[in-house]
Amino acid sequence: MKMPSPVLQEPKHKVSASVKVEEYIKNALYTGQLAPRERIIEGDIAHRLGVSRGPVREVLLRLEAEGLITITSRRGTFVRDFSMEEVKSIFKMRAKLEGLAVWYMRQRMTPEDEATLRKSLQKMKSAAAKGDDEDFFYADMGLHQTIWELSGEARLIRVLSRVMSPVIFQIARGHSSKWPIAHRYENHRDYCEMILTTPLNRVDRAVERYFDKLYSPLLNARPQNGDERRGRSPVRIHWPR
């Protein structure tokens, strides 16, 4: 399958060829234009972005190392699929890691840091008011990434960025999209108030409970009979097109 052309946008700022390719592919993953099991054709990307195949190959190898794609010698390159068990494990890890990030953030939080966090939340509010799901999605990612960055722990930020890959963000998006956008904003507003006001010695566990409750329908889902026998339950979500 060829790379989709109408929606994907090239980076507007001047960057190296490899950065340009990486931004292009990750944008396709974040927006759902590339879904699990979908094929990525090296030549199509090179032609579309006006670069040689070298940078494309370099980026694809890097994304394979990050666990975003799979490369097989005879079949080609595909967006990685995640089993339900893998998704459950990733969301549980995310809950613990973000709880730790919040704990670090609260330890060193300044009034400026709180203002930064509330500014990120305001972007979600603006997107919700416009009913703009795409802007809301990016504001949602931005809010959580702001929390990670305010932790001040570089290694923790790297691990969270790796765990919450573009594909996993899309799975989370697919799970939450059944709720009205106003409800999703209120949920994040309450989350921000919770992480800012819960006593420091309990805030990490409060974050874990928040995510456990949020994703409990997904985490407690039982695999289909056929998948259960094979020990693998593919994630089924409606990808935006």
Protein backbone atom coordinates (compact mmCIF):
# COMPACT_ATOMS: atom_id res chain seq x y z
CA MET A 1 0.00 0.00 0.00
CA LYS A 2 1.31 3.43 -0.89
CA MET A 3 1.73 6.23 1.57
CA PRO A 4 -1.46 8.34 1.77
CA SER A 5 -1.03 11.66 0.06
CA PRO A 6 -3.90 14.09 0.76
CA VAL A 7 -3.43 14.67 4.49
CA LEU A 8 0.25 14.20 5.24
CA GLN A 9 2.13 17.45 5.38
CA GLU A 10 5.82 18.06 4.96
CA PRO A 11 7.69 19.97 7.66
CA LYS A 12 7.64 23.68 6.84
CA HIS A 13 10.89 24.64 8.57
CA LYS A 14 14.28 23.90 6.99
CA VAL A 15 15.69 20.68 8.41
CA SER A 16 18.05 17.89 7.40
CA ALA A 17 16.72 15.15 5.13
CA SER A 18 16.61 12.54 7.90
CA VAL A 19 14.77 14.88 10.29
CA LYS A 20 12.35 15.75 7.50
CA VAL A 21 11.63 12.07 6.87
CA GLU A 22 11.23 11.26 10.58
CA GLU A 23 8.81 14.14 11.16
CA TYR A 24 6.84 13.09 8.09
CA ILE A 25 6.45 9.46 9.17
CA LYS A 26 5.74 10.24 12.82
CA ASN A 27 3.12 12.81 11.79
CA ALA A 28 1.48 10.07 9.71
CA LEU A 29 1.46 7.79 12.74
CA TYR A 30 0.14 10.47 15.13
CA THR A 31 -2.69 11.42 12.78
CA GLY A 32 -3.62 7.83 12.00
CA GLN A 33 -2.79 8.10 8.30
CA LEU A 34 -0.52 5.12 8.85
CA ALA A 35 -2.28 2.40 10.83
CA PRO A 36 -0.94 -0.86 12.31
CA ARG A 37 0.05 -3.44 9.67
CA GLU A 38 0.08 -0.79 6.94
CA ARG A 39 3.02 -0.98 4.55
CA ILE A 40 5.57 1.82 4.28
CA ILE A 41 7.28 2.07 0.88
CA GLU A 42 10.75 3.58 1.02
CA GLY A 43 10.72 4.86 -2.57
CA ASP A 44 7.36 6.61 -2.17
CA ILE A 45 8.60 8.60 0.82
CA ALA A 46 11.84 9.54 -0.91
CA HIS A 47 9.96 10.73 -3.99
CA ARG A 48 7.32 12.63 -2.04
CA LEU A 49 9.85 14.50 0.10
CA GLY A 50 12.43 15.00 -2.62
CA VAL A 51 15.21 13.17 -0.78
CA SER A 52 17.40 10.18 -1.59
CA ARG A 53 16.64 6.73 -0.24
CA GLY A 54 19.59 6.88 2.15
CA PRO A 55 17.95 9.16 4.78
CA VAL A 56 14.68 7.23 4.45
CA ARG A 57 16.45 3.93 5.09
CA GLU A 58 18.32 5.48 8.03
CA VAL A 59 15.09 6.72 9.63
CA LEU A 60 13.25 3.43 9.07
CA LEU A 61 16.05 1.50 10.81
CA ARG A 62 15.88 3.95 13.71
CA LEU A 63 12.10 3.64 13.95
CA GLU A 64 12.44 -0.14 13.91
CA ALA A 65 14.85 0.11 16.87
CA GLU A 66 12.25 2.28 18.64
CA GLY A 67 9.63 -0.41 18.10
CA LEU A 68 7.40 1.64 15.81
CA ILE A 69 7.80 -0.41 12.63
CA THR A 70 8.90 -3.88 11.57
CA ILE A 71 11.20 -4.62 8.65
CA THR A 72 11.33 -8.05 7.02
CA SER A 73 13.66 -8.96 4.17
CA ARG A 74 11.01 -10.45 1.89
CA ARG A 75 7.78 -8.73 2.88
CA GLY A 76 8.88 -5.12 3.34
CA THR A 77 8.35 -2.46 6.02
CA PHE A 78 5.15 -2.21 8.05
CA VAL A 79 3.75 -0.17 10.93
CA ARG A 80 4.04 -2.36 13.98
CA ASP A 81 0.91 -4.00 15.32
CA PHE A 82 0.45 -4.33 19.08
CA SER A 83 -1.30 -7.22 20.78
CA MET A 84 -3.86 -6.46 23.46
CA GLU A 85 -1.50 -7.87 26.08
CA GLU A 86 1.25 -5.48 24.92
CA VAL A 87 -1.15 -2.54 25.08
CA LYS A 88 -2.24 -3.48 28.60
CA SER A 89 1.39 -3.68 29.71
CA ILE A 90 2.26 -0.35 28.07
CA PHE A 91 -0.65 1.51 29.67
CA LYS A 92 0.23 0.10 33.09
CA MET A 93 3.83 1.21 32.63
CA ARG A 94 2.67 4.62 31.48
CA ALA A 95 0.57 5.03 34.64
CA LYS A 96 3.51 4.26 36.91
CA LEU A 97 5.99 6.35 34.94
CA GLU A 98 3.74 9.39 34.68
CA GLY A 99 2.99 9.06 38.39
CA LEU A 100 6.73 9.26 39.01
CA ALA A 101 7.04 12.24 36.65
CA VAL A 102 4.27 14.06 38.54
CA TRP A 103 6.02 13.32 41.85
CA TYR A 104 9.27 14.84 40.57
CA MET A 105 7.39 17.78 39.06
CA ARG A 106 5.64 18.56 42.34
CA GLN A 107 8.91 18.36 44.28
CA ARG A 108 10.47 21.14 42.26
CA MET A 109 7.40 23.03 41.03
CA THR A 110 7.55 26.82 40.83
CA PRO A 111 4.71 29.27 40.11
CA GLU A 112 6.13 29.55 36.58
CA ASP A 113 5.90 25.77 36.16
CA GLU A 114 2.28 25.75 37.26
CA ALA A 115 1.54 28.56 34.80
CA THR A 116 3.16 26.49 32.03
CA LEU A 117 1.01 23.50 32.90
CA ARG A 118 -2.18 25.57 32.98
CA LYS A 119 -1.25 27.12 29.63
CA SER A 120 -1.11 23.61 28.14
CA LEU A 121 -4.53 22.86 29.63
CA GLN A 122 -5.88 26.10 28.15
CA LYS A 123 -4.93 24.87 24.67
CA MET A 124 -7.12 21.82 25.27
CA LYS A 125 -9.96 24.07 26.42
CA SER A 126 -9.69 26.21 23.28
CA ALA A 127 -9.68 23.14 21.03
CA ALA A 128 -12.69 21.69 22.88
CA ALA A 129 -14.58 24.97 22.52
CA LYS A 130 -14.00 24.84 18.75
CA GLY A 131 -14.88 21.15 18.60
CA ASP A 132 -11.56 20.57 16.85
CA ASP A 133 -10.58 16.95 17.51
CA GLU A 134 -7.23 17.22 15.75
CA ASP A 135 -6.10 20.27 17.74
CA PHE A 136 -7.43 18.65 20.90
CA PHE A 137 -5.40 15.51 20.24
CA TYR A 138 -2.16 17.46 19.86
CA ALA A 139 -2.98 19.63 22.88
CA ASP A 140 -3.61 16.42 24.85
CA MET A 141 -0.18 15.07 23.90
CA GLY A 142 1.33 18.46 24.66
CA LEU A 143 -0.15 18.54 28.16
CA HIS A 144 1.30 15.19 29.14
CA GLN A 145 4.65 15.96 27.54
CA THR A 146 4.71 19.21 29.53
CA ILE A 147 4.25 17.18 32.74
CA TRP A 148 7.13 14.92 31.73
CA GLU A 149 9.39 17.86 30.96
CA LEU A 150 8.51 19.64 34.22
CA SER A 151 9.75 16.55 36.08
CA GLY A 152 13.25 17.66 35.14
CA GLU A 153 14.34 14.02 34.87
CA ALA A 154 15.91 13.52 31.44
CA ARG A 155 16.05 9.72 31.61
CA LEU A 156 12.44 9.50 32.72
CA ILE A 157 11.39 11.81 29.88
CA ARG A 158 13.19 9.59 27.36
CA VAL A 159 11.57 6.42 28.70
CA LEU A 160 8.08 7.97 28.68
CA SER A 161 8.58 9.26 25.13
CA ARG A 162 9.59 5.76 24.07
CA VAL A 163 6.73 4.02 25.90
CA MET A 164 4.10 6.47 24.63
CA SER A 165 5.03 6.10 20.98
CA PRO A 166 2.88 7.64 18.20
CA VAL A 167 1.09 4.33 17.67
CA ILE A 168 0.27 4.00 21.37
CA PHE A 169 -0.98 7.60 21.48
CA GLN A 170 -3.27 6.72 18.58
CA ILE A 171 -4.61 3.67 20.45
CA ALA A 172 -5.31 5.89 23.46
CA ARG A 173 -6.98 8.37 21.13
CA GLY A 174 -9.16 5.66 19.62
CA HIS A 175 -10.24 4.56 23.10
CA SER A 176 -11.14 8.05 24.32
CA SER A 177 -12.72 9.37 21.10
CA LYS A 178 -16.08 7.77 21.98
CA TRP A 179 -16.53 10.45 24.64
CA PRO A 180 -17.69 13.99 23.74
CA ILE A 181 -14.82 16.43 23.44
CA ALA A 182 -16.19 18.56 26.30
CA HIS A 183 -16.12 15.51 28.58
CA ARG A 184 -12.53 14.78 27.56
CA TYR A 185 -11.52 18.34 28.43
CA GLU A 186 -13.24 18.18 31.82
CA ASN A 187 -11.47 14.90 32.49
CA HIS A 188 -8.08 16.52 31.84
CA ARG A 189 -9.03 19.61 33.86
CA ASP A 190 -9.82 17.39 36.83
CA TYR A 191 -6.58 15.49 36.28
CA CYS A 192 -4.55 18.71 36.41
CA GLU A 193 -6.25 19.81 39.60
CA MET A 194 -5.62 16.39 41.10
CA ILE A 195 -1.89 16.35 40.34
CA LEU A 196 -1.52 19.93 41.64
CA THR A 197 -3.41 19.47 44.91
CA THR A 198 -2.96 15.86 46.05
CA PRO A 199 -0.41 15.61 48.88
CA LEU A 200 3.04 14.80 47.55
CA ASN A 201 3.29 11.50 49.40
CA ARG A 202 0.13 10.23 47.66
CA VAL A 203 0.22 11.89 44.26
CA ASP A 204 2.01 9.11 42.34
CA ARG A 205 -0.57 6.53 43.45
CA ALA A 206 -3.38 8.96 42.61
CA VAL A 207 -2.03 9.19 39.06
CA GLU A 208 -1.91 5.39 38.78
CA ARG A 209 -5.52 5.11 39.96
CA TYR A 210 -6.57 7.79 37.47
CA PHE A 211 -5.14 5.87 34.51
CA ASP A 212 -6.39 2.52 35.81
CA LYS A 213 -9.92 3.93 35.90
CA LEU A 214 -9.56 5.71 32.56
CA TYR A 215 -8.42 2.65 30.67
CA SER A 216 -10.15 -0.07 32.68
CA PRO A 217 -12.56 -0.96 29.80
CA LEU A 218 -9.56 -1.49 27.54
CA LEU A 219 -7.31 -3.13 30.13
CA ASN A 220 -10.04 -5.56 31.22
CA ALA A 221 -11.14 -6.47 27.71
CA ARG A 222 -11.10 -10.19 26.95
CA PRO A 223 -9.62 -11.40 23.65
CA GLN A 224 -11.77 -12.87 20.93
CA ASN A 225 -11.97 -16.69 21.03
CA GLY A 226 -9.69 -17.23 18.06
CA ASP A 227 -7.13 -14.75 19.32
CA GLU A 228 -7.25 -16.23 22.82
CA ARG A 229 -6.27 -19.63 21.46
CA ARG A 230 -3.32 -18.06 19.65
CA GLY A 231 -2.33 -16.06 22.73
CA ARG A 232 -2.58 -12.79 20.86
CA SER A 233 -5.45 -10.32 20.66
CA PRO A 234 -4.91 -7.59 18.06
CA VAL A 235 -5.93 -4.09 19.05
CA ARG A 236 -9.06 -3.03 17.17
CA ILE A 237 -9.70 0.69 16.99
CA HIS A 238 -11.27 3.05 14.48
CA TRP A 239 -8.45 4.99 12.91
CA PRO A 240 -9.22 8.54 11.74
CA ARG A 241 -9.06 8.98 7.98
